[in-house]
Amino acid sequence: MKLWNFILLILLSCGSSSSAHPNLKVVVSFSILKDLVENVGAEFVTVTSLVGPNSDAHTFEPSAESAQLLSEANLIFMNGLGFEGWMPRLVESTKTKAQVVIVSQHIKPRTFEINSSLSFDPHAWHDVKNTITYVDNIEKALLELLPEASEIIRRNASNYRQKLRDLEAWIYKELKDIPSQKRIIITAHDAFGYLSDAYKIKFLAPQGLTTESEPSVQEVVSLVNKIKEYNVKVLFVENISNERLIRHIAEETGATIGGMLYSDALSEKDQPAATYIDMMKINIQLLKSGMLKNK
């Protein structure tokens, strides 16, 4: 009996070794992409995010560790549209052989003219339809490198796309009864343009598309006047931004702080926006509550 148990143990051990699945080392630029890639790649990927939860990709400064991660990666995902201005230089400096995938390819970006040059709004994930395109691009890249896992990757991507379609249906339902005159929101920086276009909410912010530059006194005064003009009663801070300016504006206008929105990064695991879907839900719930308080 003991001999038989020993032989069985050896056979089981051999079986588990032969069934080990491939695993890609994947590096992503920021935390939202980490969640998307893990939903599609599941057990076939080990994903590291250069910019962590509650951190600002606009002001991120790559380190020697960042370069090491890229040099060891099998695959790299980045948002593109100018979101990670530091990423092309970092990739070039490491001489990495990993494929670099821009997940925003094939979407129609929001454009602006700044100093006579065309600029893109990179925050495309705030429109769920764009995030579905991100998932399409992630799926395609993973299938190229993991053909042996194609059935599972396709199923994961299909299931996650359905969750995103369900999320968008929920967003429309949550917002459908809010009158147009109440649909005005103040945030720390101009990160919600795609959400504005998709779900018909007007966003105003003291800072522009990035958090790298401080607004001028004139810009802050103009925003304060608009808050009073539109009778906006609730302002929002962001998880990646300093709260000081928004709290100062709230004091100037008599508005209150309605909570923390998640704009360019997910939260830590033990906080309310640890996944993309959770992030969108908490943001929409806070926005709805704030808009209903507007006059």
C-alpha atoms as a PDB file:
ATOM      1  CA  MET A   1       0.000   0.000   0.000  1.00  0.00           C
ATOM      2  CA  LYS A   2       2.789   2.409   0.924  1.00  0.00           C
ATOM      3  CA  LEU A   3       4.565   1.606  -2.344  1.00  0.00           C
ATOM      4  CA  TRP A   4       1.363   2.262  -4.330  1.00  0.00           C
ATOM      5  CA  ASN A   5       0.838   5.614  -2.578  1.00  0.00           C
ATOM      6  CA  PHE A   6       4.421   6.588  -3.424  1.00  0.00           C
ATOM      7  CA  ILE A   7       3.952   5.681  -7.104  1.00  0.00           C
ATOM      8  CA  LEU A   8       0.649   7.613  -7.217  1.00  0.00           C
ATOM      9  CA  LEU A   9       2.348  10.660  -5.738  1.00  0.00           C
ATOM     10  CA  ILE A  10       5.066  10.511  -8.407  1.00  0.00           C
ATOM     11  CA  LEU A  11       2.465  10.214 -11.183  1.00  0.00           C
ATOM     12  CA  LEU A  12       0.466  13.173  -9.860  1.00  0.00           C
ATOM     13  CA  SER A  13       3.615  15.229  -9.578  1.00  0.00           C
ATOM     14  CA  CYS A  14       4.544  14.505 -13.188  1.00  0.00           C
ATOM     15  CA  GLY A  15       1.042  15.322 -14.345  1.00  0.00           C
ATOM     16  CA  SER A  16       0.990  18.715 -12.634  1.00  0.00           C
ATOM     17  CA  SER A  17       4.386  19.608 -14.113  1.00  0.00           C
ATOM     18  CA  SER A  18       3.334  18.796 -17.683  1.00  0.00           C
ATOM     19  CA  SER A  19       0.109  20.816 -17.376  1.00  0.00           C
ATOM     20  CA  ALA A  20       1.875  24.019 -16.309  1.00  0.00           C
ATOM     21  CA  HIS A  21       0.625  26.869 -18.484  1.00  0.00           C
ATOM     22  CA  PRO A  22       2.703  29.621 -20.135  1.00  0.00           C
ATOM     23  CA  ASN A  23       3.004  32.965 -18.381  1.00  0.00           C
ATOM     24  CA  LEU A  24       3.915  36.317 -19.904  1.00  0.00           C
ATOM     25  CA  LYS A  25       5.701  39.089 -18.067  1.00  0.00           C
ATOM     26  CA  VAL A  26       3.564  42.121 -18.910  1.00  0.00           C
ATOM     27  CA  VAL A  27       4.319  45.720 -17.992  1.00  0.00           C
ATOM     28  CA  VAL A  28       1.625  48.392 -18.222  1.00  0.00           C
ATOM     29  CA  SER A  29       1.996  52.129 -17.800  1.00  0.00           C
ATOM     30  CA  PHE A  30      -0.727  52.703 -15.194  1.00  0.00           C
ATOM     31  CA  SER A  31      -3.125  50.897 -12.871  1.00  0.00           C
ATOM     32  CA  ILE A  32      -6.286  50.978 -15.007  1.00  0.00           C
ATOM     33  CA  LEU A  33      -4.520  49.035 -17.760  1.00  0.00           C
ATOM     34  CA  LYS A  34      -3.291  46.497 -15.213  1.00  0.00           C
ATOM     35  CA  ASP A  35      -6.885  45.627 -14.333  1.00  0.00           C
ATOM     36  CA  LEU A  36      -7.945  45.349 -17.976  1.00  0.00           C
ATOM     37  CA  VAL A  37      -5.001  43.118 -18.915  1.00  0.00           C
ATOM     38  CA  GLU A  38      -5.543  40.849 -15.900  1.00  0.00           C
ATOM     39  CA  ASN A  39      -9.211  40.422 -16.811  1.00  0.00           C
ATOM     40  CA  VAL A  40      -8.270  39.221 -20.302  1.00  0.00           C
ATOM     41  CA  GLY A  41      -5.013  37.390 -19.634  1.00  0.00           C
ATOM     42  CA  ALA A  42      -5.908  35.947 -16.205  1.00  0.00           C
ATOM     43  CA  GLU A  43      -3.505  33.188 -15.156  1.00  0.00           C
ATOM     44  CA  PHE A  44      -1.466  33.519 -18.362  1.00  0.00           C
ATOM     45  CA  VAL A  45      -0.033  36.934 -17.433  1.00  0.00           C
ATOM     46  CA  THR A  46       1.918  38.459 -14.574  1.00  0.00           C
ATOM     47  CA  VAL A  47       1.232  42.189 -14.784  1.00  0.00           C
ATOM     48  CA  THR A  48       3.268  45.004 -13.264  1.00  0.00           C
ATOM     49  CA  SER A  49       2.146  48.640 -13.412  1.00  0.00           C
ATOM     50  CA  LEU A  50       4.813  51.335 -13.587  1.00  0.00           C
ATOM     51  CA  VAL A  51       2.478  53.925 -12.057  1.00  0.00           C
ATOM     52  CA  GLY A  52       0.680  52.497  -9.067  1.00  0.00           C
ATOM     53  CA  PRO A  53      -2.760  53.030  -7.511  1.00  0.00           C
ATOM     54  CA  ASN A  54      -3.683  56.599  -6.522  1.00  0.00           C
ATOM     55  CA  SER A  55      -0.632  57.871  -8.434  1.00  0.00           C
ATOM     56  CA  ASP A  56      -0.325  60.476 -11.185  1.00  0.00           C
ATOM     57  CA  ALA A  57       0.972  59.267 -14.555  1.00  0.00           C
ATOM     58  CA  HIS A  58       1.288  62.873 -15.776  1.00  0.00           C
ATOM     59  CA  THR A  59       4.036  63.651 -13.265  1.00  0.00           C
ATOM     60  CA  PHE A  60       5.576  60.166 -12.959  1.00  0.00           C
ATOM     61  CA  GLU A  61       9.369  60.011 -13.118  1.00  0.00           C
ATOM     62  CA  PRO A  62      10.759  56.638 -14.256  1.00  0.00           C
ATOM     63  CA  SER A  63      13.422  55.010 -12.106  1.00  0.00           C
ATOM     64  CA  ALA A  64      16.118  52.415 -12.660  1.00  0.00           C
ATOM     65  CA  GLU A  65      13.560  49.850 -11.488  1.00  0.00           C
ATOM     66  CA  SER A  66      11.162  51.015 -14.220  1.00  0.00           C
ATOM     67  CA  ALA A  67      13.838  50.471 -16.846  1.00  0.00           C
ATOM     68  CA  GLN A  68      14.633  47.021 -15.451  1.00  0.00           C
ATOM     69  CA  LEU A  69      10.967  45.995 -15.613  1.00  0.00           C
ATOM     70  CA  LEU A  70      10.734  47.010 -19.270  1.00  0.00           C
ATOM     71  CA  SER A  71      13.946  45.238 -20.188  1.00  0.00           C
ATOM     72  CA  GLU A  72      12.599  41.981 -18.717  1.00  0.00           C
ATOM     73  CA  ALA A  73       9.063  42.290 -20.133  1.00  0.00           C
ATOM     74  CA  ASN A  74       7.561  40.086 -22.841  1.00  0.00           C
ATOM     75  CA  LEU A  75       4.850  42.622 -23.642  1.00  0.00           C
ATOM     76  CA  ILE A  76       4.205  46.292 -22.820  1.00  0.00           C
ATOM     77  CA  PHE A  77       0.874  48.128 -22.859  1.00  0.00           C
ATOM     78  CA  MET A  78       0.506  51.912 -22.761  1.00  0.00           C
ATOM     79  CA  ASN A  79      -2.427  54.260 -23.206  1.00  0.00           C
ATOM     80  CA  GLY A  80      -0.941  56.596 -25.808  1.00  0.00           C
ATOM     81  CA  LEU A  81      -2.429  59.946 -26.926  1.00  0.00           C
ATOM     82  CA  GLY A  82       0.338  61.716 -24.998  1.00  0.00           C
ATOM     83  CA  PHE A  83      -0.742  60.375 -21.607  1.00  0.00           C
ATOM     84  CA  GLU A  84       2.665  58.910 -20.764  1.00  0.00           C
ATOM     85  CA  GLY A  85       5.039  61.493 -22.211  1.00  0.00           C
ATOM     86  CA  TRP A  86       7.923  59.726 -20.491  1.00  0.00           C
ATOM     87  CA  MET A  87       7.220  56.268 -21.931  1.00  0.00           C
ATOM     88  CA  PRO A  88       8.747  56.479 -25.450  1.00  0.00           C
ATOM     89  CA  ARG A  89      12.060  57.709 -24.024  1.00  0.00           C
ATOM     90  CA  LEU A  90      12.016  54.982 -21.381  1.00  0.00           C
ATOM     91  CA  VAL A  91      11.348  52.253 -23.960  1.00  0.00           C
ATOM     92  CA  GLU A  92      14.125  53.568 -26.186  1.00  0.00           C
ATOM     93  CA  SER A  93      16.632  53.748 -23.345  1.00  0.00           C
ATOM     94  CA  THR A  94      16.065  50.137 -22.261  1.00  0.00           C
ATOM     95  CA  LYS A  95      16.430  48.647 -25.770  1.00  0.00           C
ATOM     96  CA  THR A  96      13.652  46.254 -24.785  1.00  0.00           C
ATOM     97  CA  LYS A  97      12.693  43.611 -27.311  1.00  0.00           C
ATOM     98  CA  ALA A  98       9.112  43.498 -26.011  1.00  0.00           C
ATOM     99  CA  GLN A  99       6.252  44.536 -28.275  1.00  0.00           C
ATOM    100  CA  VAL A 100       4.753  47.884 -27.231  1.00  0.00           C
ATOM    101  CA  VAL A 101       0.966  48.060 -27.695  1.00  0.00           C
ATOM    102  CA  ILE A 102      -0.923  51.357 -27.631  1.00  0.00           C
ATOM    103  CA  VAL A 103      -4.366  50.397 -26.356  1.00  0.00           C
ATOM    104  CA  SER A 104      -6.083  53.584 -27.550  1.00  0.00           C
ATOM    105  CA  GLN A 105      -5.494  52.786 -31.217  1.00  0.00           C
ATOM    106  CA  HIS A 106      -8.697  52.767 -33.319  1.00  0.00           C
ATOM    107  CA  ILE A 107     -10.620  55.143 -31.050  1.00  0.00           C
ATOM    108  CA  LYS A 108     -11.590  58.656 -32.133  1.00  0.00           C
ATOM    109  CA  PRO A 109      -9.704  60.974 -29.767  1.00  0.00           C
ATOM    110  CA  ARG A 110     -10.922  64.328 -28.511  1.00  0.00           C
ATOM    111  CA  THR A 111      -8.675  67.017 -29.974  1.00  0.00           C
ATOM    112  CA  PHE A 112      -7.645  70.519 -28.942  1.00  0.00           C
ATOM    113  CA  GLU A 113      -5.533  73.252 -30.486  1.00  0.00           C
ATOM    114  CA  ILE A 114      -2.952  74.524 -28.011  1.00  0.00           C
ATOM    115  CA  ASN A 115      -0.476  77.173 -29.152  1.00  0.00           C
ATOM    116  CA  SER A 116      -1.367  76.472 -32.803  1.00  0.00           C
ATOM    117  CA  SER A 117      -0.619  72.748 -32.465  1.00  0.00           C
ATOM    118  CA  LEU A 118      -3.047  69.843 -32.262  1.00  0.00           C
ATOM    119  CA  SER A 119      -3.229  67.982 -28.937  1.00  0.00           C
ATOM    120  CA  PHE A 120      -5.182  64.908 -27.872  1.00  0.00           C
ATOM    121  CA  ASP A 121      -7.175  64.273 -24.717  1.00  0.00           C
ATOM    122  CA  PRO A 122      -5.692  60.977 -23.463  1.00  0.00           C
ATOM    123  CA  HIS A 123      -8.363  60.087 -20.856  1.00  0.00           C
ATOM    124  CA  ALA A 124     -10.359  57.929 -23.268  1.00  0.00           C
ATOM    125  CA  TRP A 125     -11.213  55.204 -20.729  1.00  0.00           C
ATOM    126  CA  HIS A 126     -13.906  57.404 -19.160  1.00  0.00           C
ATOM    127  CA  ASP A 127     -16.149  56.429 -22.084  1.00  0.00           C
ATOM    128  CA  VAL A 128     -16.923  52.725 -21.641  1.00  0.00           C
ATOM    129  CA  LYS A 129     -17.141  52.217 -25.414  1.00  0.00           C
ATOM    130  CA  ASN A 130     -13.499  53.235 -25.674  1.00  0.00           C
ATOM    131  CA  THR A 131     -12.563  50.802 -22.919  1.00  0.00           C
ATOM    132  CA  ILE A 132     -14.145  48.018 -24.951  1.00  0.00           C
ATOM    133  CA  THR A 133     -11.767  49.016 -27.765  1.00  0.00           C
ATOM    134  CA  TYR A 134      -8.893  48.880 -25.268  1.00  0.00           C
ATOM    135  CA  VAL A 135      -9.942  45.299 -24.451  1.00  0.00           C
ATOM    136  CA  ASP A 136     -10.032  44.429 -28.172  1.00  0.00           C
ATOM    137  CA  ASN A 137      -6.445  45.644 -28.563  1.00  0.00           C
ATOM    138  CA  ILE A 138      -5.300  43.811 -25.431  1.00  0.00           C
ATOM    139  CA  GLU A 139      -6.944  40.583 -26.592  1.00  0.00           C
ATOM    140  CA  LYS A 140      -5.290  40.799 -30.024  1.00  0.00           C
ATOM    141  CA  ALA A 141      -1.812  41.315 -28.528  1.00  0.00           C
ATOM    142  CA  LEU A 142      -2.179  38.460 -26.031  1.00  0.00           C
ATOM    143  CA  LEU A 143      -3.451  36.068 -28.706  1.00  0.00           C
ATOM    144  CA  GLU A 144      -0.364  36.744 -30.816  1.00  0.00           C
ATOM    145  CA  LEU A 145       1.980  35.753 -27.994  1.00  0.00           C
ATOM    146  CA  LEU A 146      -0.174  33.060 -26.354  1.00  0.00           C
ATOM    147  CA  PRO A 147      -1.733  31.030 -29.190  1.00  0.00           C
ATOM    148  CA  GLU A 148      -1.915  27.941 -26.953  1.00  0.00           C
ATOM    149  CA  ALA A 149      -4.226  29.861 -24.592  1.00  0.00           C
ATOM    150  CA  SER A 150      -6.362  31.378 -27.347  1.00  0.00           C
ATOM    151  CA  GLU A 151      -9.639  29.735 -26.334  1.00  0.00           C
ATOM    152  CA  ILE A 152      -9.447  30.961 -22.736  1.00  0.00           C
ATOM    153  CA  ILE A 153      -8.240  34.457 -23.699  1.00  0.00           C
ATOM    154  CA  ARG A 154     -11.077  34.868 -26.206  1.00  0.00           C
ATOM    155  CA  ARG A 155     -13.596  33.699 -23.627  1.00  0.00           C
ATOM    156  CA  ASN A 156     -12.190  36.035 -20.970  1.00  0.00           C
ATOM    157  CA  ALA A 157     -12.264  38.998 -23.346  1.00  0.00           C
ATOM    158  CA  SER A 158     -15.817  38.206 -24.467  1.00  0.00           C
ATOM    159  CA  ASN A 159     -17.055  37.877 -20.885  1.00  0.00           C
ATOM    160  CA  TYR A 160     -15.360  41.114 -19.842  1.00  0.00           C
ATOM    161  CA  ARG A 161     -16.766  43.018 -22.828  1.00  0.00           C
ATOM    162  CA  GLN A 162     -20.234  41.914 -21.735  1.00  0.00           C
ATOM    163  CA  LYS A 163     -19.554  43.227 -18.222  1.00  0.00           C
ATOM    164  CA  LEU A 164     -18.538  46.549 -19.761  1.00  0.00           C
ATOM    165  CA  ARG A 165     -21.705  46.693 -21.875  1.00  0.00           C
ATOM    166  CA  ASP A 166     -23.719  45.987 -18.712  1.00  0.00           C
ATOM    167  CA  LEU A 167     -21.793  48.768 -16.962  1.00  0.00           C
ATOM    168  CA  GLU A 168     -22.635  51.266 -19.675  1.00  0.00           C
ATOM    169  CA  ALA A 169     -26.324  50.316 -19.565  1.00  0.00           C
ATOM    170  CA  TRP A 170     -26.250  50.883 -15.798  1.00  0.00           C
ATOM    171  CA  ILE A 171     -24.615  54.317 -16.250  1.00  0.00           C
ATOM    172  CA  TYR A 172     -27.318  55.466 -18.674  1.00  0.00           C
ATOM    173  CA  LYS A 173     -30.012  54.234 -16.294  1.00  0.00           C
ATOM    174  CA  GLU A 174     -28.429  56.014 -13.315  1.00  0.00           C
ATOM    175  CA  LEU A 175     -28.191  59.358 -15.098  1.00  0.00           C
ATOM    176  CA  LYS A 176     -31.294  59.402 -17.301  1.00  0.00           C
ATOM    177  CA  ASP A 177     -33.570  61.366 -14.932  1.00  0.00           C
ATOM    178  CA  ILE A 178     -31.135  64.186 -14.054  1.00  0.00           C
ATOM    179  CA  PRO A 179     -32.289  67.491 -15.642  1.00  0.00           C
ATOM    180  CA  SER A 180     -29.860  69.066 -18.115  1.00  0.00           C
ATOM    181  CA  GLN A 181     -29.509  72.279 -16.058  1.00  0.00           C
ATOM    182  CA  LYS A 182     -28.141  70.265 -13.132  1.00  0.00           C
ATOM    183  CA  ARG A 183     -25.545  68.375 -15.202  1.00  0.00           C
ATOM    184  CA  ILE A 184     -22.543  70.520 -14.249  1.00  0.00           C
ATOM    185  CA  ILE A 185     -19.547  69.187 -12.310  1.00  0.00           C
ATOM    186  CA  ILE A 186     -16.361  70.812 -11.009  1.00  0.00           C
ATOM    187  CA  THR A 187     -13.223  68.640 -10.751  1.00  0.00           C
ATOM    188  CA  ALA A 188      -9.528  69.265 -10.119  1.00  0.00           C
ATOM    189  CA  HIS A 189      -8.274  68.744 -13.693  1.00  0.00           C
ATOM    190  CA  ASP A 190      -9.846  68.278 -17.101  1.00  0.00           C
ATOM    191  CA  ALA A 191      -9.829  64.470 -17.114  1.00  0.00           C
ATOM    192  CA  PHE A 192     -13.491  63.722 -17.773  1.00  0.00           C
ATOM    193  CA  GLY A 193     -14.057  65.038 -21.300  1.00  0.00           C
ATOM    194  CA  TYR A 194     -14.890  61.622 -22.747  1.00  0.00           C
ATOM    195  CA  LEU A 195     -17.327  60.972 -19.900  1.00  0.00           C
ATOM    196  CA  SER A 196     -18.811  64.401 -20.611  1.00  0.00           C
ATOM    197  CA  ASP A 197     -19.354  63.632 -24.302  1.00  0.00           C
ATOM    198  CA  ALA A 198     -20.665  60.117 -23.739  1.00  0.00           C
ATOM    199  CA  TYR A 199     -23.034  60.787 -20.845  1.00  0.00           C
ATOM    200  CA  LYS A 200     -23.952  64.473 -21.363  1.00  0.00           C
ATOM    201  CA  ILE A 201     -22.369  66.078 -18.300  1.00  0.00           C
ATOM    202  CA  LYS A 202     -20.609  69.450 -18.395  1.00  0.00           C
ATOM    203  CA  PHE A 203     -17.260  69.415 -16.572  1.00  0.00           C
ATOM    204  CA  LEU A 204     -15.273  72.475 -15.489  1.00  0.00           C
ATOM    205  CA  ALA A 205     -11.813  72.375 -13.908  1.00  0.00           C
ATOM    206  CA  PRO A 206      -9.113  74.827 -12.800  1.00  0.00           C
ATOM    207  CA  GLN A 207      -6.379  72.684 -14.411  1.00  0.00           C
ATOM    208  CA  GLY A 208      -6.150  71.476 -18.002  1.00  0.00           C
ATOM    209  CA  LEU A 209      -5.602  68.008 -19.430  1.00  0.00           C
ATOM    210  CA  THR A 210      -2.565  67.373 -17.240  1.00  0.00           C
ATOM    211  CA  THR A 211      -1.763  68.107 -13.607  1.00  0.00           C
ATOM    212  CA  GLU A 212       1.722  69.380 -14.412  1.00  0.00           C
ATOM    213  CA  SER A 213       0.922  73.108 -14.563  1.00  0.00           C
ATOM    214  CA  GLU A 214      -0.818  75.347 -12.047  1.00  0.00           C
ATOM    215  CA  PRO A 215      -3.797  77.435 -13.236  1.00  0.00           C
ATOM    216  CA  SER A 216      -3.398  81.199 -13.374  1.00  0.00           C
ATOM    217  CA  VAL A 217      -5.203  83.545 -10.982  1.00  0.00           C
ATOM    218  CA  GLN A 218      -7.421  84.657 -13.881  1.00  0.00           C
ATOM    219  CA  GLU A 219      -8.407  81.065 -14.646  1.00  0.00           C
ATOM    220  CA  VAL A 220      -9.341  80.406 -11.022  1.00  0.00           C
ATOM    221  CA  VAL A 221     -11.365  83.644 -10.825  1.00  0.00           C
ATOM    222  CA  SER A 222     -13.172  82.714 -14.052  1.00  0.00           C
ATOM    223  CA  LEU A 223     -14.041  79.281 -12.642  1.00  0.00           C
ATOM    224  CA  VAL A 224     -15.307  80.797  -9.373  1.00  0.00           C
ATOM    225  CA  ASN A 225     -17.594  83.099 -11.367  1.00  0.00           C
ATOM    226  CA  LYS A 226     -18.938  80.183 -13.422  1.00  0.00           C
ATOM    227  CA  ILE A 227     -19.655  78.165 -10.262  1.00  0.00           C
ATOM    228  CA  LYS A 228     -21.734  81.037  -8.951  1.00  0.00           C
ATOM    229  CA  GLU A 229     -23.409  81.602 -12.327  1.00  0.00           C
ATOM    230  CA  TYR A 230     -24.411  77.941 -12.719  1.00  0.00           C
ATOM    231  CA  ASN A 231     -25.346  77.509  -9.009  1.00  0.00           C
ATOM    232  CA  VAL A 232     -22.993  74.541  -8.628  1.00  0.00           C
ATOM    233  CA  LYS A 233     -23.192  73.351  -5.034  1.00  0.00           C
ATOM    234  CA  VAL A 234     -20.733  70.450  -4.986  1.00  0.00           C
ATOM    235  CA  LEU A 235     -17.079  70.221  -6.043  1.00  0.00           C
ATOM    236  CA  PHE A 236     -14.946  67.091  -6.314  1.00  0.00           C
ATOM    237  CA  VAL A 237     -11.349  66.308  -5.454  1.00  0.00           C
ATOM    238  CA  GLU A 238      -9.423  63.577  -7.282  1.00  0.00           C
ATOM    239  CA  ASN A 239      -7.372  60.689  -5.978  1.00  0.00           C
ATOM    240  CA  ILE A 240      -4.274  61.785  -7.938  1.00  0.00           C
ATOM    241  CA  SER A 241      -4.425  65.537  -7.238  1.00  0.00           C
ATOM    242  CA  ASN A 242      -3.669  67.857  -4.351  1.00  0.00           C
ATOM    243  CA  GLU A 243      -6.965  68.850  -2.726  1.00  0.00           C
ATOM    244  CA  ARG A 244      -5.776  72.322  -1.719  1.00  0.00           C
ATOM    245  CA  LEU A 245      -6.992  74.281  -4.766  1.00  0.00           C
ATOM    246  CA  ILE A 246     -10.436  72.658  -4.909  1.00  0.00           C
ATOM    247  CA  ARG A 247     -10.970  73.220  -1.176  1.00  0.00           C
ATOM    248  CA  HIS A 248      -9.958  76.871  -1.602  1.00  0.00           C
ATOM    249  CA  ILE A 249     -12.476  77.283  -4.433  1.00  0.00           C
ATOM    250  CA  ALA A 250     -15.156  75.619  -2.300  1.00  0.00           C
ATOM    251  CA  GLU A 251     -14.516  78.175   0.452  1.00  0.00           C
ATOM    252  CA  GLU A 252     -14.705  81.042  -2.050  1.00  0.00           C
ATOM    253  CA  THR A 253     -18.024  79.875  -3.508  1.00  0.00           C
ATOM    254  CA  GLY A 254     -19.768  78.349  -0.497  1.00  0.00           C
ATOM    255  CA  ALA A 255     -19.865  74.963  -2.226  1.00  0.00           C
ATOM    256  CA  THR A 256     -19.155  71.678  -0.451  1.00  0.00           C
ATOM    257  CA  ILE A 257     -16.806  68.817  -1.298  1.00  0.00           C
ATOM    258  CA  GLY A 258     -18.853  65.943  -2.700  1.00  0.00           C
ATOM    259  CA  GLY A 259     -16.200  63.276  -2.426  1.00  0.00           C
ATOM    260  CA  MET A 260     -13.183  61.896  -4.266  1.00  0.00           C
ATOM    261  CA  LEU A 261     -13.352  60.971  -7.932  1.00  0.00           C
ATOM    262  CA  TYR A 262     -10.963  58.467  -9.495  1.00  0.00           C
ATOM    263  CA  SER A 263      -9.650  59.974 -12.696  1.00  0.00           C
ATOM    264  CA  ASP A 264      -6.270  58.631 -13.856  1.00  0.00           C
ATOM    265  CA  ALA A 265      -5.674  55.757 -11.437  1.00  0.00           C
ATOM    266  CA  LEU A 266      -7.466  53.051  -9.519  1.00  0.00           C
ATOM    267  CA  SER A 267      -7.491  52.937  -5.735  1.00  0.00           C
ATOM    268  CA  GLU A 268      -5.646  50.511  -3.504  1.00  0.00           C
ATOM    269  CA  LYS A 269      -7.233  47.059  -3.151  1.00  0.00           C
ATOM    270  CA  ASP A 270      -8.912  47.912   0.160  1.00  0.00           C
ATOM    271  CA  GLN A 271     -10.448  51.130  -1.237  1.00  0.00           C
ATOM    272  CA  PRO A 272     -13.657  51.522  -3.272  1.00  0.00           C
ATOM    273  CA  ALA A 273     -12.182  51.777  -6.793  1.00  0.00           C
ATOM    274  CA  ALA A 274      -9.784  48.843  -7.009  1.00  0.00           C
ATOM    275  CA  THR A 275     -11.057  47.776 -10.462  1.00  0.00           C
ATOM    276  CA  TYR A 276     -12.073  49.707 -13.570  1.00  0.00           C
ATOM    277  CA  ILE A 277     -15.728  48.749 -13.161  1.00  0.00           C
ATOM    278  CA  ASP A 278     -15.700  49.723  -9.492  1.00  0.00           C
ATOM    279  CA  MET A 279     -14.029  53.027 -10.414  1.00  0.00           C
ATOM    280  CA  MET A 280     -16.709  53.891 -12.958  1.00  0.00           C
ATOM    281  CA  LYS A 281     -19.505  52.937 -10.565  1.00  0.00           C
ATOM    282  CA  ILE A 282     -18.225  54.977  -7.623  1.00  0.00           C
ATOM    283  CA  ASN A 283     -17.576  57.958  -9.907  1.00  0.00           C
ATOM    284  CA  ILE A 284     -21.071  57.841 -11.403  1.00  0.00           C
ATOM    285  CA  GLN A 285     -22.694  57.471  -7.975  1.00  0.00           C
ATOM    286  CA  LEU A 286     -20.780  60.491  -6.653  1.00  0.00           C
ATOM    287  CA  LEU A 287     -21.485  62.553  -9.768  1.00  0.00           C
ATOM    288  CA  LYS A 288     -25.180  61.746  -9.613  1.00  0.00           C
ATOM    289  CA  SER A 289     -25.369  62.734  -5.950  1.00  0.00           C
ATOM    290  CA  GLY A 290     -23.524  65.984  -6.648  1.00  0.00           C
ATOM    291  CA  MET A 291     -25.609  66.967  -9.674  1.00  0.00           C
ATOM    292  CA  LEU A 292     -28.870  66.423  -7.811  1.00  0.00           C
ATOM    293  CA  LYS A 293     -27.736  69.044  -5.275  1.00  0.00           C
ATOM    294  CA  ASN A 294     -27.215  71.703  -7.946  1.00  0.00           C
ATOM    295  CA  LYS A 295     -29.903  74.363  -8.219  1.00  0.00           C
END
